[in-house]
Amino acid sequence: MENFFEPETECKTEQVGCPTMGYQDVNVCVPVTIKAFGEVGNATTKCLGKALITSGCGSCIGGSGNICKFTVSQKLRIEVPVIFGARAEADEAIIDCDYDCDCDCDSDCDHRADEGILYDH
């Protein structure tokens, strides 16, 4: 006796469980602090014209003991580079899960799925 089998054309798989997608709307906030700064670089000096030497003797002619005084003055231009700016610093991120339901979510909070929160039972 000969046996004939029809070959299966469809691959059958058995599904285990029920796949679903859960989601929750959240609000994430990061406090940011802006701090201004002003930084001064190295100063450079340029001489403007020649130095002026002024005698301190005034009208004394012929000497005045064992000292002699004079003054030296010079016009200068001091260049000071300054950089102004600001830096941003972030603190630790905070998440608000928008969870304000005071009930048992397995029973009477299923309506929250319409509000953006789906509870996977």
Protein backbone atom coordinates (compact mmCIF):
# COMPACT_ATOMS: atom_id res chain seq x y z
CA MET A 1 0.00 0.00 0.00
CA GLU A 2 1.32 3.36 -1.00
CA ASN A 3 0.90 6.54 1.12
CA PHE A 4 0.54 9.94 -0.50
CA PHE A 5 0.90 13.17 1.49
CA GLU A 6 0.08 16.60 0.26
CA PRO A 7 2.94 19.04 0.93
CA GLU A 8 2.01 21.99 3.15
CA THR A 9 2.18 25.26 1.26
CA GLU A 10 1.68 27.49 4.31
CA CYS A 11 4.01 27.67 7.27
CA LYS A 12 1.94 27.75 10.43
CA THR A 13 3.36 29.35 13.56
CA GLU A 14 1.84 29.36 16.99
CA GLN A 15 1.59 32.78 18.61
CA VAL A 16 2.65 33.00 22.25
CA GLY A 17 1.06 35.89 24.13
CA CYS A 18 -0.42 39.09 22.75
CA PRO A 19 2.04 41.70 21.49
CA THR A 20 1.20 45.26 22.41
CA MET A 21 2.95 48.63 22.51
CA GLY A 22 3.00 50.72 25.67
CA TYR A 23 3.78 54.42 25.74
CA GLN A 24 3.73 57.35 28.09
CA ASP A 25 3.87 61.05 27.36
CA VAL A 26 6.45 62.82 29.52
CA ASN A 27 7.74 66.31 30.04
CA VAL A 28 11.53 66.56 30.34
CA CYS A 29 13.07 69.71 31.70
CA VAL A 30 16.70 70.78 32.00
CA PRO A 31 17.47 73.87 34.08
CA VAL A 32 20.02 76.00 32.24
CA THR A 33 22.06 78.76 33.83
CA ILE A 34 23.73 81.47 31.76
CA LYS A 35 26.84 82.99 33.34
CA ALA A 36 28.40 86.08 31.80
CA PHE A 37 32.15 86.54 31.84
CA GLY A 38 34.77 89.13 31.05
CA GLU A 39 38.34 87.94 30.69
CA VAL A 40 41.33 90.26 30.54
CA GLY A 41 44.36 89.29 28.46
CA ASN A 42 47.95 90.50 28.76
CA ALA A 43 48.35 94.28 28.55
CA THR A 44 50.79 95.81 26.07
CA THR A 45 52.41 99.23 26.46
CA LYS A 46 53.29 101.72 23.70
CA CYS A 47 55.24 104.89 24.31
CA LEU A 48 53.75 108.07 22.88
CA GLY A 49 56.51 110.54 22.08
CA LYS A 50 59.72 111.07 24.04
CA ALA A 51 60.16 111.08 27.79
CA LEU A 52 60.19 114.50 29.44
CA ILE A 53 62.82 115.15 32.08
CA THR A 54 62.19 118.09 34.40
CA SER A 55 64.77 119.39 36.85
CA GLY A 56 63.71 119.65 40.47
CA CYS A 57 66.09 122.45 41.30
CA GLY A 58 63.91 125.29 40.15
CA SER A 59 65.76 128.60 40.52
CA CYS A 60 68.74 127.24 42.53
CA ILE A 61 71.83 127.97 40.60
CA GLY A 62 75.16 126.81 41.86
CA GLY A 63 74.11 123.67 43.79
CA SER A 64 72.19 122.76 46.91
CA GLY A 65 74.14 120.40 49.06
CA ASN A 66 74.61 116.70 48.24
CA ILE A 67 71.35 115.80 46.37
CA CYS A 68 69.81 116.54 43.03
CA LYS A 69 66.14 115.81 42.15
CA PHE A 70 64.40 115.49 38.82
CA THR A 71 61.15 114.09 37.40
CA VAL A 72 60.70 111.80 34.40
CA SER A 73 57.28 111.57 32.74
CA GLN A 74 56.15 109.60 29.73
CA LYS A 75 52.82 109.42 27.95
CA LEU A 76 51.79 105.81 27.45
CA ARG A 77 49.02 103.95 25.68
CA ILE A 78 48.09 100.78 27.51
CA GLU A 79 46.21 98.24 25.39
CA VAL A 80 44.15 95.75 27.39
CA PRO A 81 42.40 93.01 25.41
CA VAL A 82 39.07 92.07 26.98
CA ILE A 83 36.88 89.19 25.85
CA PHE A 84 33.20 89.30 26.82
CA GLY A 85 30.82 86.40 26.49
CA ALA A 86 28.57 83.96 28.26
CA ARG A 87 28.60 80.27 29.06
CA ALA A 88 25.61 77.99 29.42
CA GLU A 89 25.61 75.34 32.13
CA ALA A 90 22.96 72.62 32.36
CA ASP A 91 21.87 70.99 35.59
CA GLU A 92 20.60 67.43 35.82
CA ALA A 93 17.55 66.66 33.66
CA ILE A 94 14.21 66.17 35.41
CA ILE A 95 11.33 64.09 34.08
CA ASP A 96 7.65 64.63 34.84
CA CYS A 97 5.73 61.48 33.99
CA ASP A 98 2.40 63.34 33.95
CA TYR A 99 1.10 60.71 36.36
CA ASP A 100 -1.66 62.27 38.44
CA CYS A 101 -4.15 59.41 38.68
CA ASP A 102 -4.94 58.37 42.28
CA CYS A 103 -6.55 55.05 41.43
CA ASP A 104 -5.83 51.39 40.78
CA CYS A 105 -4.54 51.33 37.20
CA ASP A 106 -5.63 47.72 36.67
CA SER A 107 -9.28 48.70 37.01
CA ASP A 108 -10.59 52.24 36.72
CA CYS A 109 -7.74 54.16 35.04
CA ASP A 110 -7.99 52.57 31.61
CA HIS A 111 -9.56 55.82 30.37
CA ARG A 112 -6.07 57.38 30.59
CA ALA A 113 -5.14 55.58 27.37
CA ASP A 114 -7.05 58.31 25.56
CA GLU A 115 -4.96 60.94 27.34
CA GLY A 116 -1.60 59.61 26.12
CA ILE A 117 -0.81 56.94 28.72
CA LEU A 118 -1.49 53.32 27.88
CA TYR A 119 -1.35 50.70 30.58
CA ASP A 120 -0.30 47.28 29.37
CA HIS A 121 -2.24 44.64 31.39
